[in-house]
């Protein structure tokens, strides 16, 4: 399902959540609004979800997301998603790119992200995340870019991040870090 950079408006049809054979959902850079159908988050063959630069809202379905076991790219930035980033995201072992920046997500950054050993990029900036930078991120040895800026994170910068030998970009600015 590829139809990006158009003027599509309205909501994503609920029936799209029943398309179990879908591998790519690339509807970014449109004027879509409303909620993503719960079932769409967990389509079993899905490897790309790109919904960024729309007007979508609601929460990320925790119970369905864990079914998207082949998901490699999740880009939903520049929308109005709310709620917490679900712990079930840690079940996505193939996840390489996670970009949820520019939404209204809050709560702690899930510790379960440590289970996503294929991660190359984590972009969580410009949300309302609180708590600490997870110390276990130091185990994500394939990580190349991490942006946690523009949140409300506290505490220090974990020494374990020094283990990230491939990390070329780390942005922790505009938080409440100390130490």
N, C-alpha and C. Protein backbone atom coordinates (compact mmCIF):
# COMPACT_ATOMS: atom_id res chain seq x y z
N UNK A 1 0.87 -1.16 0.00
CA UNK A 1 0.00 0.00 0.00
C UNK A 1 0.91 1.22 0.00
N UNK A 2 1.16 1.76 -1.16
CA UNK A 2 2.08 2.89 -1.30
C UNK A 2 1.35 4.04 -1.99
N UNK A 3 1.21 5.14 -1.26
CA UNK A 3 0.59 6.34 -1.81
C UNK A 3 1.04 7.54 -0.99
N UNK A 4 2.33 7.79 -1.02
CA UNK A 4 2.86 8.89 -0.23
C UNK A 4 2.99 10.16 -1.07
N UNK A 5 3.10 11.29 -0.37
CA UNK A 5 3.28 12.61 -0.99
C UNK A 5 2.16 12.93 -1.97
N UNK A 6 0.94 12.77 -1.49
CA UNK A 6 -0.25 13.17 -2.23
C UNK A 6 -1.05 14.13 -1.36
N UNK A 7 -2.30 14.30 -1.68
CA UNK A 7 -3.19 15.11 -0.86
C UNK A 7 -4.31 14.26 -0.29
N UNK A 8 -4.01 13.03 0.04
CA UNK A 8 -5.02 12.15 0.61
C UNK A 8 -5.46 12.69 1.96
N UNK A 9 -6.76 12.68 2.19
CA UNK A 9 -7.29 13.18 3.47
C UNK A 9 -8.30 12.18 4.00
N UNK A 10 -8.79 12.45 5.19
CA UNK A 10 -9.72 11.53 5.82
C UNK A 10 -8.96 10.48 6.62
N UNK A 11 -9.66 9.45 7.02
CA UNK A 11 -9.05 8.43 7.87
C UNK A 11 -8.63 7.21 7.05
N UNK A 12 -7.78 6.40 7.65
CA UNK A 12 -7.37 5.14 7.03
C UNK A 12 -8.51 4.16 7.22
N UNK A 13 -8.99 3.55 6.15
CA UNK A 13 -10.12 2.62 6.28
C UNK A 13 -9.82 1.44 7.20
N UNK A 14 -10.77 1.12 8.03
CA UNK A 14 -10.66 -0.01 8.97
C UNK A 14 -10.33 -1.31 8.25
N UNK A 15 -10.81 -1.47 7.04
CA UNK A 15 -10.60 -2.71 6.27
C UNK A 15 -9.12 -2.96 5.98
N UNK A 16 -8.30 -1.91 5.96
CA UNK A 16 -6.87 -2.10 5.72
C UNK A 16 -6.23 -2.94 6.82
N UNK A 17 -6.81 -2.94 7.99
CA UNK A 17 -6.30 -3.73 9.10
C UNK A 17 -6.54 -5.22 8.91
N UNK A 18 -7.29 -5.59 7.88
CA UNK A 18 -7.58 -7.01 7.60
C UNK A 18 -6.73 -7.55 6.45
N UNK A 19 -5.85 -6.74 5.91
CA UNK A 19 -5.03 -7.13 4.75
C UNK A 19 -3.76 -7.82 5.22
N UNK A 20 -3.89 -9.08 5.60
CA UNK A 20 -2.77 -9.83 6.18
C UNK A 20 -1.58 -9.99 5.25
N UNK A 21 -1.78 -9.80 3.96
CA UNK A 21 -0.68 -9.98 3.02
C UNK A 21 0.14 -8.70 2.82
N UNK A 22 -0.28 -7.58 3.39
CA UNK A 22 0.45 -6.32 3.22
C UNK A 22 1.85 -6.42 3.81
N UNK A 23 2.83 -5.97 3.03
CA UNK A 23 4.21 -5.94 3.49
C UNK A 23 4.70 -4.52 3.75
N UNK A 24 4.14 -3.57 3.02
CA UNK A 24 4.56 -2.17 3.17
C UNK A 24 3.32 -1.27 3.24
N UNK A 25 3.33 -0.40 4.22
CA UNK A 25 2.33 0.67 4.31
C UNK A 25 3.11 1.97 4.31
N UNK A 26 3.06 2.65 3.17
CA UNK A 26 3.80 3.91 3.01
C UNK A 26 2.80 4.99 2.59
N UNK A 27 2.22 5.63 3.58
CA UNK A 27 1.21 6.66 3.36
C UNK A 27 1.67 8.01 3.91
N UNK A 28 2.96 8.20 4.01
CA UNK A 28 3.49 9.43 4.61
C UNK A 28 3.26 10.64 3.70
N UNK A 29 3.36 11.80 4.31
CA UNK A 29 3.28 13.09 3.60
C UNK A 29 1.96 13.29 2.87
N UNK A 30 0.89 13.06 3.60
CA UNK A 30 -0.45 13.31 3.10
C UNK A 30 -1.17 14.19 4.12
N UNK A 31 -2.49 14.14 4.12
CA UNK A 31 -3.29 14.90 5.08
C UNK A 31 -4.24 13.95 5.81
N UNK A 32 -3.78 12.73 6.06
CA UNK A 32 -4.61 11.74 6.73
C UNK A 32 -4.83 12.12 8.18
N UNK A 33 -6.02 11.81 8.69
CA UNK A 33 -6.36 12.14 10.08
C UNK A 33 -7.09 10.96 10.70
N UNK A 34 -7.43 11.11 11.96
CA UNK A 34 -8.11 10.03 12.66
C UNK A 34 -7.12 9.04 13.25
N UNK A 35 -7.58 7.82 13.46
CA UNK A 35 -6.78 6.80 14.11
C UNK A 35 -6.33 5.74 13.12
N UNK A 36 -5.22 5.11 13.41
CA UNK A 36 -4.76 3.96 12.64
C UNK A 36 -5.57 2.76 13.12
N UNK A 37 -6.18 2.00 12.22
CA UNK A 37 -6.93 0.81 12.67
C UNK A 37 -6.03 -0.10 13.53
N UNK A 38 -6.54 -0.53 14.68
CA UNK A 38 -5.75 -1.34 15.61
C UNK A 38 -5.07 -2.52 14.93
N UNK A 39 -5.79 -3.24 14.10
CA UNK A 39 -5.24 -4.43 13.45
C UNK A 39 -4.09 -4.09 12.50
N UNK A 40 -4.07 -2.88 11.97
CA UNK A 40 -3.01 -2.51 11.03
C UNK A 40 -1.65 -2.50 11.70
N UNK A 41 -1.59 -2.17 12.99
CA UNK A 41 -0.32 -2.15 13.72
C UNK A 41 0.32 -3.53 13.76
N UNK A 42 -0.46 -4.59 13.63
CA UNK A 42 0.07 -5.93 13.83
C UNK A 42 -0.06 -6.85 12.65
N UNK A 43 -0.10 -6.32 11.45
CA UNK A 43 -0.19 -7.21 10.29
C UNK A 43 1.07 -8.09 10.23
N UNK A 44 0.89 -9.41 10.10
CA UNK A 44 2.01 -10.34 10.30
C UNK A 44 3.13 -10.29 9.26
N UNK A 45 2.85 -9.80 8.07
CA UNK A 45 3.90 -9.75 7.03
C UNK A 45 4.48 -8.35 6.84
N UNK A 46 3.98 -7.43 7.61
CA UNK A 46 4.37 -6.03 7.47
C UNK A 46 5.84 -5.84 7.82
N UNK A 47 6.61 -5.20 6.93
CA UNK A 47 7.99 -4.88 7.29
C UNK A 47 8.26 -3.37 7.28
N UNK A 48 7.35 -2.58 6.72
CA UNK A 48 7.50 -1.12 6.74
C UNK A 48 6.16 -0.46 7.07
N UNK A 49 6.19 0.41 8.07
CA UNK A 49 5.06 1.32 8.35
C UNK A 49 5.63 2.73 8.29
N UNK A 50 5.22 3.49 7.30
CA UNK A 50 5.62 4.89 7.18
C UNK A 50 4.36 5.75 7.09
N UNK A 51 4.03 6.36 8.20
CA UNK A 51 2.83 7.20 8.28
C UNK A 51 3.18 8.64 8.69
N UNK A 52 4.45 8.98 8.61
CA UNK A 52 4.89 10.29 9.09
C UNK A 52 4.32 11.43 8.24
N UNK A 53 4.33 12.62 8.83
CA UNK A 53 3.84 13.85 8.18
C UNK A 53 2.39 13.74 7.76
N UNK A 54 1.54 13.42 8.72
CA UNK A 54 0.09 13.42 8.54
C UNK A 54 -0.53 14.10 9.75
N UNK A 55 -1.80 13.86 9.99
CA UNK A 55 -2.50 14.41 11.14
C UNK A 55 -3.14 13.29 11.94
N UNK A 56 -2.47 12.16 12.01
CA UNK A 56 -3.00 10.98 12.69
C UNK A 56 -2.85 11.11 14.19
N UNK A 57 -3.74 10.48 14.93
CA UNK A 57 -3.71 10.53 16.39
C UNK A 57 -4.06 9.19 16.99
N UNK A 58 -4.37 9.22 18.28
CA UNK A 58 -4.68 8.00 18.99
C UNK A 58 -3.41 7.36 19.53
N UNK A 59 -3.55 6.13 19.97
CA UNK A 59 -2.43 5.42 20.58
C UNK A 59 -1.91 4.33 19.65
N UNK A 60 -0.72 3.85 19.98
CA UNK A 60 -0.13 2.72 19.25
C UNK A 60 -0.63 1.46 19.94
N UNK A 61 -1.30 0.60 19.21
CA UNK A 61 -1.93 -0.57 19.79
C UNK A 61 -0.89 -1.58 20.28
N UNK A 62 -0.75 -1.67 21.59
CA UNK A 62 0.23 -2.57 22.20
C UNK A 62 -0.06 -4.03 21.89
N UNK A 63 -1.32 -4.41 22.02
CA UNK A 63 -1.67 -5.83 21.84
C UNK A 63 -1.50 -6.28 20.40
N UNK A 64 -1.64 -5.39 19.44
CA UNK A 64 -1.49 -5.77 18.04
C UNK A 64 -0.05 -5.63 17.55
N UNK A 65 0.68 -4.64 18.04
CA UNK A 65 2.02 -4.38 17.56
C UNK A 65 2.92 -5.61 17.69
N UNK A 66 2.75 -6.37 18.73
CA UNK A 66 3.60 -7.55 18.95
C UNK A 66 3.43 -8.61 17.86
N UNK A 67 2.37 -8.53 17.07
CA UNK A 67 2.15 -9.48 15.97
C UNK A 67 2.94 -9.13 14.72
N UNK A 68 3.48 -7.93 14.64
CA UNK A 68 4.20 -7.49 13.45
C UNK A 68 5.66 -7.94 13.55
N UNK A 69 5.86 -9.23 13.59
CA UNK A 69 7.17 -9.81 13.90
C UNK A 69 8.21 -9.58 12.80
N UNK A 70 7.78 -9.16 11.61
CA UNK A 70 8.73 -8.90 10.53
C UNK A 70 9.01 -7.41 10.35
N UNK A 71 8.47 -6.58 11.22
CA UNK A 71 8.59 -5.13 11.07
C UNK A 71 10.04 -4.68 11.21
N UNK A 72 10.52 -3.97 10.19
CA UNK A 72 11.89 -3.43 10.17
C UNK A 72 11.91 -1.92 10.33
N UNK A 73 10.88 -1.23 9.82
CA UNK A 73 10.84 0.22 9.85
C UNK A 73 9.49 0.69 10.38
N UNK A 74 9.54 1.50 11.43
CA UNK A 74 8.34 2.13 11.99
C UNK A 74 8.61 3.62 12.07
N UNK A 75 8.04 4.37 11.13
CA UNK A 75 8.20 5.82 11.07
C UNK A 75 6.82 6.47 11.14
N UNK A 76 6.53 7.06 12.28
CA UNK A 76 5.23 7.72 12.47
C UNK A 76 5.40 9.15 12.98
N UNK A 77 6.53 9.76 12.69
CA UNK A 77 6.83 11.09 13.20
C UNK A 77 5.89 12.16 12.63
N UNK A 78 5.88 13.29 13.31
CA UNK A 78 5.11 14.47 12.88
C UNK A 78 3.63 14.16 12.69
N UNK A 79 3.05 13.61 13.73
CA UNK A 79 1.62 13.36 13.83
C UNK A 79 1.16 13.83 15.20
N UNK A 80 0.09 13.27 15.72
CA UNK A 80 -0.41 13.62 17.05
C UNK A 80 -0.68 12.37 17.88
N UNK A 81 0.15 11.34 17.73
CA UNK A 81 -0.03 10.12 18.52
C UNK A 81 0.19 10.44 20.00
N UNK A 82 -0.59 9.81 20.86
CA UNK A 82 -0.51 10.03 22.30
C UNK A 82 -0.30 8.71 23.02
N UNK A 83 -0.16 8.80 24.32
CA UNK A 83 0.01 7.59 25.13
C UNK A 83 1.47 7.21 25.24
N UNK A 84 1.67 6.00 25.73
CA UNK A 84 3.03 5.50 25.93
C UNK A 84 3.47 4.66 24.74
N UNK A 85 4.76 4.64 24.53
CA UNK A 85 5.34 3.72 23.56
C UNK A 85 5.26 2.35 24.20
N UNK A 86 4.52 1.40 23.61
CA UNK A 86 4.25 0.15 24.30
C UNK A 86 5.50 -0.73 24.51
N UNK A 87 5.52 -1.42 25.64
CA UNK A 87 6.60 -2.36 25.94
C UNK A 87 6.69 -3.45 24.89
N UNK A 88 5.59 -3.76 24.24
CA UNK A 88 5.58 -4.83 23.23
C UNK A 88 6.49 -4.51 22.04
N UNK A 89 6.95 -3.28 21.94
CA UNK A 89 7.87 -2.94 20.85
C UNK A 89 9.16 -3.76 20.97
N UNK A 90 9.48 -4.20 22.16
CA UNK A 90 10.66 -5.02 22.38
C UNK A 90 10.56 -6.42 21.78
N UNK A 91 9.39 -6.79 21.31
CA UNK A 91 9.20 -8.10 20.68
C UNK A 91 9.52 -8.06 19.19
N UNK A 92 9.82 -6.87 18.67
CA UNK A 92 10.08 -6.71 17.24
C UNK A 92 11.58 -6.87 16.97
N UNK A 93 12.01 -8.11 16.92
CA UNK A 93 13.44 -8.43 16.81
C UNK A 93 14.07 -7.95 15.52
N UNK A 94 13.28 -7.72 14.46
CA UNK A 94 13.81 -7.28 13.17
C UNK A 94 13.86 -5.76 13.03
N UNK A 95 13.34 -5.03 14.02
CA UNK A 95 13.22 -3.58 13.93
C UNK A 95 14.58 -2.92 13.77
N UNK A 96 14.72 -2.12 12.70
CA UNK A 96 15.97 -1.41 12.42
C UNK A 96 15.83 0.10 12.60
N UNK A 97 14.66 0.65 12.24
CA UNK A 97 14.44 2.10 12.32
C UNK A 97 13.17 2.36 13.12
N UNK A 98 13.30 3.12 14.19
CA UNK A 98 12.18 3.53 15.02
C UNK A 98 12.18 5.04 15.08
N UNK A 99 11.18 5.67 14.45
CA UNK A 99 11.06 7.13 14.46
C UNK A 99 9.65 7.50 14.86
N UNK A 100 9.50 7.93 16.10
CA UNK A 100 8.21 8.38 16.62
C UNK A 100 8.29 9.85 17.03
N UNK A 101 9.25 10.57 16.49
CA UNK A 101 9.49 11.96 16.88
C UNK A 101 8.32 12.86 16.52
N UNK A 102 8.22 13.96 17.25
CA UNK A 102 7.22 14.98 16.93
C UNK A 102 5.79 14.54 17.13
N UNK A 103 5.54 13.80 18.20
CA UNK A 103 4.18 13.40 18.57
C UNK A 103 3.91 13.90 19.98
N UNK A 104 2.97 13.29 20.65
CA UNK A 104 2.65 13.66 22.03
C UNK A 104 2.74 12.42 22.92
N UNK A 105 3.74 11.60 22.66
CA UNK A 105 3.96 10.40 23.46
C UNK A 105 4.58 10.77 24.80
N UNK A 106 4.34 9.97 25.81
CA UNK A 106 4.85 10.27 27.15
C UNK A 106 5.17 8.97 27.89
N UNK A 107 5.62 9.12 29.11
CA UNK A 107 5.98 7.96 29.93
C UNK A 107 7.45 7.63 29.75
N UNK A 108 7.84 6.52 30.35
CA UNK A 108 9.23 6.09 30.26
C UNK A 108 9.52 5.48 28.89
N UNK A 109 10.76 5.59 28.47
CA UNK A 109 11.20 4.90 27.26
C UNK A 109 11.25 3.42 27.60
N UNK A 110 10.62 2.56 26.82
CA UNK A 110 10.56 1.15 27.17
C UNK A 110 11.94 0.49 27.28
N UNK A 111 12.19 -0.14 28.42
CA UNK A 111 13.42 -0.89 28.63
C UNK A 111 13.52 -2.05 27.64
N UNK A 112 12.38 -2.51 27.15
CA UNK A 112 12.34 -3.67 26.25
C UNK A 112 13.01 -3.39 24.90
N UNK A 113 13.28 -2.14 24.59
CA UNK A 113 13.97 -1.83 23.33
C UNK A 113 15.34 -2.51 23.27
N UNK A 114 15.87 -2.89 24.41
CA UNK A 114 17.16 -3.59 24.43
C UNK A 114 17.09 -4.91 23.67
N UNK A 115 15.90 -5.45 23.48
CA UNK A 115 15.72 -6.71 22.76
C UNK A 115 15.74 -6.54 21.25
N UNK A 116 15.75 -5.32 20.78
CA UNK A 116 15.75 -5.03 19.34
C UNK A 116 17.19 -4.87 18.87
N UNK A 117 17.90 -5.96 18.76
CA UNK A 117 19.34 -5.93 18.48
C UNK A 117 19.69 -5.53 17.05
N UNK A 118 18.70 -5.39 16.18
CA UNK A 118 18.96 -4.95 14.80
C UNK A 118 18.84 -3.44 14.65
N UNK A 119 18.49 -2.72 15.72
CA UNK A 119 18.24 -1.28 15.63
C UNK A 119 19.45 -0.51 15.13
N UNK A 120 19.21 0.31 14.11
CA UNK A 120 20.21 1.21 13.57
C UNK A 120 19.93 2.65 14.00
N UNK A 121 18.64 2.97 14.17
CA UNK A 121 18.25 4.35 14.45
C UNK A 121 17.08 4.38 15.42
N UNK A 122 17.21 5.22 16.45
CA UNK A 122 16.12 5.49 17.39
C UNK A 122 15.92 7.00 17.40
N UNK A 123 14.73 7.44 17.01
CA UNK A 123 14.38 8.87 17.01
C UNK A 123 13.12 9.05 17.85
N UNK A 124 13.30 9.56 19.05
CA UNK A 124 12.18 9.76 19.98
C UNK A 124 12.02 11.24 20.35
N UNK A 125 12.69 12.13 19.62
CA UNK A 125 12.72 13.53 20.00
C UNK A 125 11.36 14.21 19.91
N UNK A 126 11.27 15.31 20.65
CA UNK A 126 10.09 16.18 20.64
C UNK A 126 8.80 15.46 21.00
N UNK A 127 8.84 14.79 22.13
CA UNK A 127 7.68 14.16 22.75
C UNK A 127 7.66 14.57 24.21
N UNK A 128 7.06 13.79 25.06
CA UNK A 128 7.01 14.07 26.49
C UNK A 128 7.56 12.93 27.32
N UNK A 129 8.56 12.22 26.80
CA UNK A 129 9.13 11.09 27.53
C UNK A 129 9.79 11.58 28.82
N UNK A 130 9.61 10.81 29.88
CA UNK A 130 10.17 11.13 31.19
C UNK A 130 11.01 9.95 31.67
N UNK A 131 11.60 10.10 32.83
CA UNK A 131 12.43 9.03 33.39
C UNK A 131 13.86 9.16 32.89
N UNK A 132 14.57 8.05 32.89
CA UNK A 132 15.99 8.02 32.57
C UNK A 132 16.25 7.53 31.15
N UNK A 133 17.42 7.88 30.63
CA UNK A 133 17.91 7.26 29.40
C UNK A 133 18.23 5.81 29.79
N UNK A 134 17.60 4.82 29.15
CA UNK A 134 17.81 3.44 29.58
C UNK A 134 19.28 3.02 29.51
N UNK A 135 19.79 2.53 30.61
CA UNK A 135 21.17 2.07 30.69
C UNK A 135 21.42 0.89 29.75
N UNK A 136 20.37 0.09 29.53
CA UNK A 136 20.54 -1.09 28.68
C UNK A 136 20.65 -0.76 27.19
N UNK A 137 20.53 0.51 26.81
CA UNK A 137 20.76 0.89 25.41
C UNK A 137 22.21 0.61 24.99
N UNK A 138 23.09 0.47 25.97
CA UNK A 138 24.48 0.15 25.68
C UNK A 138 24.67 -1.22 25.06
N UNK A 139 23.62 -2.05 25.06
CA UNK A 139 23.70 -3.38 24.45
C UNK A 139 23.29 -3.36 22.98
N UNK A 140 22.83 -2.23 22.49
CA UNK A 140 22.38 -2.11 21.10
C UNK A 140 23.57 -1.79 20.20
N UNK A 141 24.42 -2.75 20.00
CA UNK A 141 25.72 -2.53 19.37
C UNK A 141 25.65 -2.15 17.89
N UNK A 142 24.50 -2.33 17.24
CA UNK A 142 24.37 -1.93 15.83
C UNK A 142 23.88 -0.49 15.69
N UNK A 143 23.52 0.14 16.80
CA UNK A 143 22.93 1.48 16.78
C UNK A 143 23.90 2.51 16.22
N UNK A 144 23.41 3.28 15.23
CA UNK A 144 24.23 4.31 14.58
C UNK A 144 23.77 5.73 14.93
N UNK A 145 22.46 5.90 15.16
CA UNK A 145 21.92 7.23 15.45
C UNK A 145 20.87 7.10 16.56
N UNK A 146 20.96 8.02 17.53
CA UNK A 146 19.96 8.06 18.59
C UNK A 146 19.68 9.51 18.92
N UNK A 147 18.42 9.90 18.82
CA UNK A 147 17.99 11.26 19.14
C UNK A 147 16.88 11.19 20.17
N UNK A 148 17.18 11.63 21.37
CA UNK A 148 16.21 11.66 22.47
C UNK A 148 15.95 13.11 22.91
N UNK A 149 16.31 14.06 22.08
CA UNK A 149 16.21 15.48 22.44
C UNK A 149 14.76 15.93 22.57
N UNK A 150 14.57 17.04 23.28
CA UNK A 150 13.25 17.66 23.37
C UNK A 150 12.24 16.85 24.15
N UNK A 151 12.69 16.18 25.19
CA UNK A 151 11.79 15.44 26.07
C UNK A 151 11.96 15.97 27.49
N UNK A 152 11.59 15.18 28.47
CA UNK A 152 11.72 15.58 29.87
C UNK A 152 12.52 14.53 30.64
N UNK A 153 13.55 14.00 30.00
CA UNK A 153 14.36 12.96 30.62
C UNK A 153 15.22 13.54 31.73
N UNK A 154 15.45 12.77 32.77
CA UNK A 154 16.23 13.20 33.93
C UNK A 154 17.36 12.21 34.18
N UNK A 155 18.19 12.52 35.16
CA UNK A 155 19.29 11.63 35.51
C UNK A 155 20.50 11.92 34.66
N UNK A 156 21.43 10.98 34.69
CA UNK A 156 22.68 11.16 33.96
C UNK A 156 22.68 10.44 32.63
N UNK A 157 23.78 10.60 31.94
CA UNK A 157 24.00 9.90 30.67
C UNK A 157 24.66 8.57 31.01
N UNK A 158 24.03 7.45 30.67
CA UNK A 158 24.59 6.15 31.05
C UNK A 158 25.98 5.91 30.45
N UNK A 159 26.89 5.46 31.28
CA UNK A 159 28.25 5.14 30.81
C UNK A 159 28.23 4.02 29.78
N UNK A 160 27.20 3.18 29.82
CA UNK A 160 27.10 2.04 28.89
C UNK A 160 27.00 2.49 27.43
N UNK A 161 26.62 3.75 27.19
CA UNK A 161 26.54 4.23 25.81
C UNK A 161 27.91 4.26 25.15
N UNK A 162 28.97 4.22 25.94
CA UNK A 162 30.33 4.16 25.39
C UNK A 162 30.58 2.84 24.66
N UNK A 163 29.73 1.85 24.88
CA UNK A 163 29.86 0.55 24.20
C UNK A 163 29.35 0.59 22.76
N UNK A 164 28.74 1.68 22.37
CA UNK A 164 28.12 1.78 21.04
C UNK A 164 29.16 2.26 20.02
N UNK A 165 29.96 1.34 19.55
CA UNK A 165 31.07 1.66 18.67
C UNK A 165 30.67 2.18 17.30
N UNK A 166 29.44 1.92 16.86
CA UNK A 166 28.98 2.39 15.56
C UNK A 166 28.19 3.70 15.65
N UNK A 167 27.94 4.17 16.87
CA UNK A 167 27.13 5.36 17.07
C UNK A 167 27.84 6.59 16.49
N UNK A 168 27.19 7.23 15.51
CA UNK A 168 27.77 8.42 14.89
C UNK A 168 27.01 9.69 15.27
N UNK A 169 25.79 9.54 15.81
CA UNK A 169 25.00 10.71 16.18
C UNK A 169 24.23 10.41 17.45
N UNK A 170 24.45 11.22 18.46
CA UNK A 170 23.75 11.10 19.74
C UNK A 170 23.29 12.49 20.14
N UNK A 171 21.98 12.70 20.23
CA UNK A 171 21.43 14.00 20.60
C UNK A 171 20.57 13.81 21.84
N UNK A 172 21.01 14.39 22.93
CA UNK A 172 20.28 14.34 24.21
C UNK A 172 19.89 15.75 24.68
N UNK A 173 19.99 16.73 23.80
CA UNK A 173 19.75 18.13 24.18
C UNK A 173 18.29 18.37 24.55
N UNK A 174 18.07 19.47 25.24
CA UNK A 174 16.73 19.93 25.64
C UNK A 174 15.97 18.88 26.44
N UNK A 175 16.62 18.37 27.48
CA UNK A 175 16.03 17.49 28.47
C UNK A 175 16.34 18.10 29.85
N UNK A 176 16.27 17.31 30.89
CA UNK A 176 16.60 17.76 32.24
C UNK A 176 17.68 16.86 32.81
N UNK A 177 18.66 16.51 31.99
CA UNK A 177 19.73 15.61 32.41
C UNK A 177 20.67 16.33 33.37
N UNK A 178 21.30 15.56 34.24
CA UNK A 178 22.24 16.14 35.21
C UNK A 178 23.37 15.15 35.44
N UNK A 179 24.35 15.58 36.22
CA UNK A 179 25.45 14.67 36.57
C UNK A 179 26.73 15.09 35.90
